[in-house]
Amino acid sequence: RSVNTCAIATAILNQYNARLAEIVNNYFANFISGSSDKKNDSLTDAYINYLPDEVLDMSTGFMLHDIGNVLIPAELLKKKGKLTHTEFAIIKTHSYEKGADILEKNGINNPFILNPVRYHHCALFVGESNCYPEEKLPSDLPAYVKICKLADIYDAMTSKRAYREALNPIGVVKDIFLKYAKKDVSLQFILHSFLKIVGTYPAGSILSLQNGQMCYVLISDGPVVLPLTDSHGAPLTAKPEPIDLADERLDETTLRIDPQKPLKSPNEVYDSLPTYLKETILN
């Protein structure tokens, strides 16, 4: 999960970084030219939000965000029933206490690494429940910490846990959007970067094409899919090549998404999955 969260959060961070730089650079160019019609090309790359070395440090923080769990009793992390108040209090210390202690004792004092570890369970808006430490206000959190939390939530909900099965990525994206939409402006910018990366068609979901085939979403951007069945719904016997549905050459074919059929999770279409996908996805 640490690798997943790191990959998702870093992709969101890069999207956020690029989009913010584009907006600010356009503003600079328009401000200098005095017109929205004429832009100063020399200002195209004048502003960079987070530098490459800073992004690398933040990605390290994403990877280590849950390192404090190594000091939490395994029986608590794998408990299937509801945690008691005392047990939950112990679990909470994995971030702002135990995780931070591990890094500091190993001489890691870089805030880009420490902050995701300490604060990835903090509230992203005033009044958000079950967040900690409570004294940390949403306005105190840098963007990369908020990005880490969204990525961690998404991965946690779409991963199989000891106490529950993995949830449908489509429903998870919807739940996250509904919870954090219409809050402060900076959070909305981060949320839209999250949606741009995770996509309307989240990786790991199953969609239908107009020719009747079902496909597994490999990459949400596109999306890039892997066909699972033939046009009659029978599982493919040979492993197919991925298809980028954004390819304009497919516009005149039936290799297009069928908007009338909803996205599904692999669990919902288990019998239609090829053997290699049953083994690699569900196990």
Protein backbone atom coordinates (compact mmCIF):
# COMPACT_ATOMS: atom_id res chain seq x y z
CA ARG A 1 0.00 0.00 0.00
CA SER A 2 2.88 2.39 0.64
CA VAL A 3 4.06 1.91 -2.95
CA ASN A 4 0.52 2.42 -4.28
CA THR A 5 -0.04 5.56 -2.22
CA CYS A 6 3.33 6.94 -3.30
CA ALA A 7 2.61 6.31 -6.98
CA ILE A 8 -0.88 7.82 -6.85
CA ALA A 9 0.13 10.82 -4.72
CA THR A 10 3.19 11.59 -6.86
CA ALA A 11 1.07 11.54 -10.03
CA ILE A 12 -1.46 13.89 -8.40
CA LEU A 13 1.36 16.14 -7.19
CA ASN A 14 2.84 16.39 -10.69
CA GLN A 15 -0.57 17.20 -12.14
CA TYR A 16 -1.18 19.83 -9.44
CA ASN A 17 2.28 21.30 -9.94
CA ALA A 18 1.96 21.56 -13.73
CA ARG A 19 -1.54 23.02 -13.67
CA LEU A 20 -0.72 25.62 -11.01
CA ALA A 21 2.45 26.66 -12.86
CA GLU A 22 0.46 27.00 -16.09
CA ILE A 23 -2.12 29.27 -14.45
CA VAL A 24 0.45 31.49 -12.73
CA ASN A 25 2.68 31.74 -15.82
CA ASN A 26 -0.30 32.71 -17.96
CA TYR A 27 -1.20 35.38 -15.43
CA PHE A 28 2.36 36.71 -15.45
CA ALA A 29 2.42 36.80 -19.25
CA ASN A 30 -0.91 38.62 -19.45
CA PHE A 31 0.07 41.04 -16.69
CA ILE A 32 3.29 42.03 -18.41
CA SER A 33 1.70 42.34 -21.85
CA GLY A 34 -1.31 44.17 -20.46
CA SER A 35 -3.60 42.10 -22.64
CA SER A 36 -4.97 38.59 -22.70
CA ASP A 37 -4.37 38.55 -26.48
CA LYS A 38 -0.61 39.00 -26.34
CA LYS A 39 1.60 36.82 -24.20
CA ASN A 40 5.28 37.07 -23.38
CA ASP A 41 6.74 33.70 -24.36
CA SER A 42 9.78 34.35 -22.14
CA LEU A 43 7.50 33.99 -19.10
CA THR A 44 6.10 30.62 -20.11
CA ASP A 45 8.26 28.80 -17.55
CA ALA A 46 8.94 31.70 -15.19
CA TYR A 47 7.10 30.13 -12.24
CA ILE A 48 7.62 26.65 -10.81
CA ASN A 49 5.61 25.71 -7.75
CA TYR A 50 7.62 22.75 -6.41
CA LEU A 51 11.13 22.13 -7.74
CA PRO A 52 12.13 18.60 -8.89
CA ASP A 53 14.26 17.98 -5.77
CA GLU A 54 11.33 19.02 -3.57
CA VAL A 55 8.98 16.69 -5.46
CA LEU A 56 11.45 13.85 -4.90
CA ASP A 57 11.47 14.56 -1.15
CA MET A 58 7.68 14.70 -1.06
CA SER A 59 7.47 11.38 -2.89
CA THR A 60 9.77 9.92 -0.24
CA GLY A 61 7.35 11.24 2.36
CA PHE A 62 4.46 9.59 0.52
CA MET A 63 6.33 6.28 0.52
CA LEU A 64 7.06 6.53 4.26
CA HIS A 65 3.72 8.02 5.33
CA ASP A 66 2.66 4.90 7.28
CA ILE A 67 6.10 3.86 8.57
CA GLY A 68 4.89 4.31 12.16
CA ASN A 69 2.71 1.22 11.75
CA VAL A 70 5.79 -0.95 12.28
CA LEU A 71 5.53 0.04 15.96
CA ILE A 72 1.80 -0.72 16.23
CA PRO A 73 0.85 -4.22 17.46
CA ALA A 74 -0.03 -6.40 14.46
CA GLU A 75 -3.20 -7.65 16.13
CA LEU A 76 -4.58 -4.12 16.13
CA LEU A 77 -3.74 -3.47 12.48
CA LYS A 78 -5.41 -6.75 11.46
CA LYS A 79 -8.35 -6.66 13.87
CA LYS A 80 -11.58 -7.47 12.04
CA GLY A 81 -13.97 -6.10 14.63
CA LYS A 82 -14.52 -2.52 15.74
CA LEU A 83 -11.62 -0.95 17.60
CA THR A 84 -12.14 0.16 21.18
CA HIS A 85 -11.48 3.78 22.14
CA THR A 86 -8.15 2.72 23.66
CA GLU A 87 -7.15 0.68 20.62
CA PHE A 88 -7.97 3.52 18.25
CA ALA A 89 -5.93 5.90 20.40
CA ILE A 90 -2.94 3.57 19.94
CA ILE A 91 -3.51 3.31 16.18
CA LYS A 92 -3.58 7.11 15.86
CA THR A 93 -0.07 7.44 17.27
CA HIS A 94 1.40 5.75 14.17
CA SER A 95 1.53 9.07 12.33
CA TYR A 96 2.24 12.17 14.43
CA GLU A 97 4.11 10.26 17.17
CA LYS A 98 5.69 6.96 16.15
CA GLY A 99 6.24 7.73 12.47
CA ALA A 100 7.78 11.10 13.24
CA ASP A 101 9.99 9.55 15.95
CA ILE A 102 11.36 6.91 13.57
CA LEU A 103 12.34 9.53 11.00
CA GLU A 104 13.86 11.94 13.50
CA LYS A 105 15.88 9.20 15.22
CA ASN A 106 17.29 8.33 11.81
CA GLY A 107 18.31 11.92 11.18
CA ILE A 108 15.51 12.71 8.71
CA ASN A 109 14.33 16.23 9.48
CA ASN A 110 13.27 17.30 5.99
CA PRO A 111 9.75 18.80 6.33
CA PHE A 112 8.77 17.53 2.87
CA ILE A 113 9.28 14.00 4.22
CA LEU A 114 8.17 14.55 7.81
CA ASN A 115 4.91 16.39 7.12
CA PRO A 116 3.18 13.61 5.11
CA VAL A 117 4.12 11.16 7.89
CA ARG A 118 2.88 13.40 10.70
CA TYR A 119 -0.23 14.88 9.19
CA HIS A 120 -1.76 12.56 6.57
CA HIS A 121 -4.75 11.96 8.87
CA CYS A 122 -5.47 15.64 9.57
CA ALA A 123 -8.73 17.33 8.61
CA LEU A 124 -8.87 18.76 5.08
CA PHE A 125 -11.78 21.05 6.01
CA VAL A 126 -13.04 22.48 9.28
CA GLY A 127 -15.34 19.98 10.97
CA GLU A 128 -14.10 16.82 9.24
CA SER A 129 -14.53 13.99 11.74
CA ASN A 130 -12.15 11.26 12.93
CA CYS A 131 -9.05 13.28 12.01
CA TYR A 132 -5.87 13.70 14.01
CA PRO A 133 -3.99 15.46 15.46
CA GLU A 134 -6.99 17.71 16.04
CA GLU A 135 -4.99 20.87 16.76
CA LYS A 136 -3.67 21.00 13.18
CA LEU A 137 -5.97 23.23 11.12
CA PRO A 138 -6.66 22.56 7.41
CA SER A 139 -5.15 25.95 6.58
CA ASP A 140 -1.89 24.83 8.24
CA LEU A 141 -1.46 21.87 5.88
CA PRO A 142 0.65 22.28 2.74
CA ALA A 143 -0.81 21.03 -0.53
CA TYR A 144 1.41 17.94 -0.71
CA VAL A 145 0.10 16.69 2.66
CA LYS A 146 -3.49 17.06 1.47
CA ILE A 147 -2.54 15.18 -1.69
CA CYS A 148 -1.04 12.39 0.41
CA LYS A 149 -4.26 12.05 2.40
CA LEU A 150 -6.47 11.80 -0.70
CA ALA A 151 -4.18 9.21 -2.27
CA ASP A 152 -4.04 7.23 0.98
CA ILE A 153 -7.84 7.25 1.30
CA TYR A 154 -8.31 6.11 -2.28
CA ASP A 155 -5.78 3.30 -2.02
CA ALA A 156 -7.01 2.17 1.41
CA MET A 157 -10.61 1.92 0.21
CA THR A 158 -9.78 0.14 -3.06
CA SER A 159 -7.39 -2.36 -1.43
CA LYS A 160 -8.36 -5.61 0.29
CA ARG A 161 -7.98 -5.25 4.04
CA ALA A 162 -7.98 -7.78 6.89
CA TYR A 163 -11.38 -6.52 8.03
CA ARG A 164 -13.13 -6.02 4.64
CA GLU A 165 -12.96 -6.61 0.90
CA ALA A 166 -11.71 -4.00 -1.57
CA LEU A 167 -14.34 -1.45 -2.55
CA ASN A 168 -15.36 -0.57 -6.09
CA PRO A 169 -13.02 2.19 -7.40
CA ILE A 170 -15.92 3.96 -9.10
CA GLY A 171 -17.85 4.30 -5.87
CA VAL A 172 -14.72 5.36 -4.00
CA VAL A 173 -14.01 8.22 -6.42
CA LYS A 174 -17.62 9.38 -6.10
CA ASP A 175 -17.52 9.24 -2.30
CA ILE A 176 -14.25 11.19 -2.11
CA PHE A 177 -15.54 13.85 -4.50
CA LEU A 178 -18.84 14.29 -2.65
CA LYS A 179 -17.07 14.55 0.71
CA TYR A 180 -14.48 17.15 -0.29
CA ALA A 181 -16.24 19.12 -3.02
CA LYS A 182 -17.39 22.72 -2.39
CA LYS A 183 -14.88 23.29 0.40
CA ASP A 184 -12.06 25.87 0.31
CA VAL A 185 -10.66 26.89 -3.08
CA SER A 186 -7.19 25.38 -2.60
CA LEU A 187 -8.69 22.00 -1.71
CA GLN A 188 -10.86 22.12 -4.85
CA PHE A 189 -7.78 22.63 -6.98
CA ILE A 190 -6.16 19.59 -5.35
CA LEU A 191 -9.37 17.57 -5.70
CA HIS A 192 -9.57 18.28 -9.42
CA SER A 193 -5.93 17.19 -9.81
CA PHE A 194 -6.90 13.97 -8.00
CA LEU A 195 -9.82 13.41 -10.38
CA LYS A 196 -7.62 14.12 -13.39
CA ILE A 197 -5.22 11.35 -12.33
CA VAL A 198 -7.66 8.77 -11.00
CA GLY A 199 -10.05 9.61 -13.81
CA THR A 200 -13.66 9.08 -14.71
CA TYR A 201 -12.68 5.50 -15.42
CA PRO A 202 -10.50 4.49 -12.44
CA ALA A 203 -7.75 1.96 -12.99
CA GLY A 204 -8.97 -1.43 -11.82
CA SER A 205 -12.55 -1.00 -12.99
CA ILE A 206 -14.37 -2.83 -15.78
CA LEU A 207 -16.11 -1.02 -18.64
CA SER A 208 -18.12 -2.13 -21.68
CA LEU A 209 -17.50 -1.21 -25.31
CA GLN A 210 -20.13 -0.63 -27.98
CA ASN A 211 -19.14 -3.88 -29.71
CA GLY A 212 -20.11 -5.86 -26.60
CA GLN A 213 -16.61 -6.49 -25.25
CA MET A 214 -15.70 -5.87 -21.60
CA CYS A 215 -12.35 -4.29 -20.75
CA TYR A 216 -10.17 -3.88 -17.69
CA VAL A 217 -8.97 -0.28 -17.15
CA LEU A 218 -5.17 -0.23 -16.90
CA ILE A 219 -4.67 3.56 -16.97
CA SER A 220 -7.48 6.03 -16.33
CA ASP A 221 -6.08 8.66 -18.70
CA GLY A 222 -7.39 7.67 -22.10
CA PRO A 223 -8.48 5.32 -20.73
CA VAL A 224 -6.02 2.58 -21.66
CA VAL A 225 -7.83 -0.75 -21.40
CA LEU A 226 -7.20 -4.47 -21.73
CA PRO A 227 -10.01 -6.44 -23.45
CA LEU A 228 -11.36 -9.28 -21.32
CA THR A 229 -14.06 -10.83 -23.50
CA ASP A 230 -15.09 -11.17 -27.11
CA SER A 231 -18.15 -9.35 -28.44
CA HIS A 232 -20.36 -12.17 -27.13
CA GLY A 233 -19.07 -11.87 -23.56
CA ALA A 234 -16.90 -15.00 -23.60
CA PRO A 235 -13.51 -14.69 -21.81
CA LEU A 236 -10.54 -14.32 -24.16
CA THR A 237 -8.19 -17.29 -24.18
CA ALA A 238 -5.11 -15.35 -25.36
CA LYS A 239 -3.73 -12.30 -23.63
CA PRO A 240 -4.60 -9.26 -25.79
CA GLU A 241 -2.71 -6.03 -26.37
CA PRO A 242 -3.80 -2.88 -24.44
CA ILE A 243 -5.94 -0.35 -26.32
CA ASP A 244 -5.82 3.42 -25.84
CA LEU A 245 -9.45 4.46 -26.30
CA ALA A 246 -8.33 8.08 -26.78
CA ASP A 247 -6.80 7.08 -30.13
CA GLU A 248 -8.69 9.12 -32.76
CA ARG A 249 -8.36 6.25 -35.24
CA LEU A 250 -10.95 4.34 -33.18
CA ASP A 251 -13.63 7.02 -33.60
CA GLU A 252 -15.24 5.29 -36.57
CA THR A 253 -15.18 1.83 -34.97
CA THR A 254 -17.20 0.12 -32.27
CA LEU A 255 -14.14 0.17 -29.99
CA ARG A 256 -15.66 2.97 -27.98
CA ILE A 257 -17.08 3.08 -24.48
CA ASP A 258 -20.75 2.20 -24.17
CA PRO A 259 -22.09 5.03 -21.96
CA GLN A 260 -25.33 3.13 -21.33
CA LYS A 261 -23.56 0.41 -19.35
CA PRO A 262 -22.16 1.33 -15.91
CA LEU A 263 -18.61 0.67 -14.72
CA LYS A 264 -18.15 -2.48 -12.68
CA SER A 265 -15.58 -3.94 -10.32
CA PRO A 266 -13.66 -7.18 -11.09
CA ASN A 267 -15.63 -8.93 -8.33
CA GLU A 268 -18.89 -8.19 -10.15
CA VAL A 269 -17.74 -9.86 -13.39
CA TYR A 270 -15.51 -12.57 -11.96
CA ASP A 271 -16.84 -15.35 -14.22
CA SER A 272 -16.00 -13.30 -17.32
CA LEU A 273 -12.38 -12.66 -16.37
CA PRO A 274 -9.61 -14.56 -18.15
CA THR A 275 -7.68 -16.94 -15.90
CA TYR A 276 -4.55 -14.78 -15.83
CA LEU A 277 -6.56 -11.80 -14.58
CA LYS A 278 -8.37 -13.85 -11.95
CA GLU A 279 -5.00 -14.85 -10.57
CA THR A 280 -3.28 -11.47 -10.74
CA ILE A 281 -6.15 -9.15 -9.78
CA LEU A 282 -8.26 -11.02 -7.27
CA ASN A 283 -5.53 -12.96 -5.48
